[in-house]
Amino acid sequence: MAYENKYVQVDGLKTRYIEDGTGPAAILLHGASLGSSADVFERNLKPLASAGMRAIAYDQPGFGLTDNPTDYSVPYRRRFIMMFMDALGLQSAAMVGHSQAGSMAVANAFEHPKESPKS
């Protein structure tokens, strides 16, 4: 299933994302290999939505259809996650990080525990 491309301004960058479902947010973060984008999670959005989640995957800065940043560092990309959440008005979100994004998701969970969903 091809999802509609949506866009939001984040830190001055036109940021592309795809989503499915309603309910608590789950942000899916792709890795940093060449050609990576939110599209790697297309097949995961519908099952998460069916489980009652708002599944959101976005193209990280400099990947896919999101604008190129001036800073390509991991710390910037990690901060960008929180800026993306702010741009969408999300108070909290579960994070699923693939490859390099796994460490970014864990670091943000430790740095911003109040933004993590309560179980």
Protein backbone atom coordinates (compact mmCIF):
# COMPACT_ATOMS: atom_id res chain seq x y z
CA MET A 1 0.00 0.00 0.00
CA ALA A 2 1.35 3.38 -0.95
CA TYR A 3 0.72 6.05 1.66
CA GLU A 4 0.03 9.70 1.00
CA ASN A 5 3.10 11.86 1.50
CA LYS A 6 2.54 14.46 4.20
CA TYR A 7 4.86 17.35 5.00
CA VAL A 8 5.60 19.49 8.04
CA GLN A 9 8.22 22.20 8.66
CA VAL A 10 10.74 21.11 11.28
CA ASP A 11 13.68 23.36 12.16
CA GLY A 12 13.29 25.06 8.78
CA LEU A 13 13.31 21.77 6.85
CA LYS A 14 10.41 20.51 4.76
CA THR A 15 9.98 17.07 6.35
CA ARG A 16 8.11 14.25 4.67
CA TYR A 17 6.23 11.64 6.68
CA ILE A 18 3.65 8.89 6.25
CA GLU A 19 1.21 7.65 8.85
CA ASP A 20 -1.70 5.38 9.58
CA GLY A 21 -4.09 5.00 12.50
CA THR A 22 -5.18 6.91 15.55
CA GLY A 23 -4.36 6.53 19.19
CA PRO A 24 -1.03 6.68 21.00
CA ALA A 25 1.81 7.69 18.68
CA ALA A 26 4.58 5.36 17.59
CA ILE A 27 7.40 6.97 15.63
CA LEU A 28 9.37 4.66 13.35
CA LEU A 29 12.92 5.83 12.69
CA HIS A 30 14.84 4.49 9.70
CA GLY A 31 18.56 3.81 9.68
CA ALA A 32 21.28 5.74 7.88
CA SER A 33 22.17 3.49 4.95
CA LEU A 34 22.03 4.90 1.44
CA GLY A 35 18.49 5.05 0.15
CA SER A 36 16.89 4.84 3.60
CA SER A 37 13.58 6.60 4.09
CA ALA A 38 10.24 6.25 5.85
CA ASP A 39 9.23 3.86 3.08
CA VAL A 40 11.09 1.00 4.78
CA PHE A 41 8.25 0.99 7.33
CA GLU A 42 5.30 0.99 4.89
CA ARG A 43 4.40 -2.62 5.67
CA ASN A 44 4.50 -1.94 9.44
CA LEU A 45 2.10 1.00 9.53
CA LYS A 46 -1.15 -0.90 8.93
CA PRO A 47 -0.51 -3.61 11.60
CA LEU A 48 0.38 -0.95 14.17
CA ALA A 49 -2.71 1.07 13.22
CA SER A 50 -4.83 -2.09 13.55
CA ALA A 51 -3.43 -2.49 17.07
CA GLY A 52 -4.70 0.98 18.00
CA MET A 53 -1.56 3.05 17.39
CA ARG A 54 -0.93 6.15 15.33
CA ALA A 55 2.08 4.85 13.41
CA ILE A 56 4.27 7.61 11.96
CA ALA A 57 7.44 7.23 9.88
CA TYR A 58 9.37 10.22 8.58
CA ASP A 59 12.34 10.81 6.31
CA GLN A 60 15.15 11.97 8.53
CA PRO A 61 17.03 15.15 7.54
CA GLY A 62 18.96 14.56 4.33
CA PHE A 63 17.11 11.31 3.52
CA GLY A 64 14.23 10.56 1.19
CA LEU A 65 12.14 13.64 0.44
CA THR A 66 13.12 15.65 3.52
CA ASP A 67 15.30 18.70 2.93
CA ASN A 68 19.06 18.54 3.50
CA PRO A 69 20.23 20.01 6.80
CA THR A 70 23.43 21.95 7.39
CA ASP A 71 24.24 19.51 10.23
CA TYR A 72 24.28 15.80 9.37
CA SER A 73 25.45 14.65 12.81
CA VAL A 74 23.74 11.99 14.91
CA PRO A 75 23.22 14.45 17.80
CA TYR A 76 21.34 16.77 15.42
CA ARG A 77 19.23 13.93 14.06
CA ARG A 78 18.47 12.87 17.64
CA ARG A 79 17.31 16.41 18.55
CA PHE A 80 15.31 16.48 15.32
CA ILE A 81 13.12 13.64 16.62
CA MET A 82 11.89 15.86 19.44
CA MET A 83 11.43 18.82 17.08
CA PHE A 84 9.39 16.56 14.77
CA MET A 85 7.19 15.55 17.70
CA ASP A 86 6.69 19.22 18.59
CA ALA A 87 5.78 20.06 14.98
CA LEU A 88 3.06 17.37 15.05
CA GLY A 89 1.87 18.41 18.51
CA LEU A 90 2.80 15.06 20.09
CA GLN A 91 3.21 15.08 23.86
CA SER A 92 4.57 11.52 23.94
CA ALA A 93 5.45 8.71 21.57
CA ALA A 94 6.85 5.22 21.53
CA MET A 95 9.93 5.03 19.30
CA VAL A 96 11.08 2.22 17.08
CA GLY A 97 14.58 2.75 15.76
CA HIS A 98 16.23 0.67 13.05
CA SER A 99 20.02 0.35 12.90
CA GLN A 100 21.70 3.65 13.87
CA ALA A 101 18.33 5.15 14.81
CA GLY A 102 18.00 2.57 17.59
CA SER A 103 20.63 4.36 19.65
CA MET A 104 18.95 7.70 18.94
CA ALA A 105 15.60 6.37 20.19
CA VAL A 106 17.17 4.98 23.38
CA ALA A 107 19.12 8.20 24.04
CA ASN A 108 15.94 10.26 23.68
CA ALA A 109 14.03 7.92 25.99
CA PHE A 110 16.66 8.48 28.70
CA GLU A 111 16.89 12.22 28.05
CA HIS A 112 13.12 12.82 27.81
CA PRO A 113 11.41 10.15 29.94
CA LYS A 114 8.25 12.26 30.43
CA GLU A 115 7.63 12.15 26.68
CA SER A 116 7.65 8.35 26.74
CA PRO A 117 4.24 6.63 27.04
CA LYS A 118 3.35 5.23 30.42
CA SER A 119 2.51 1.54 30.59
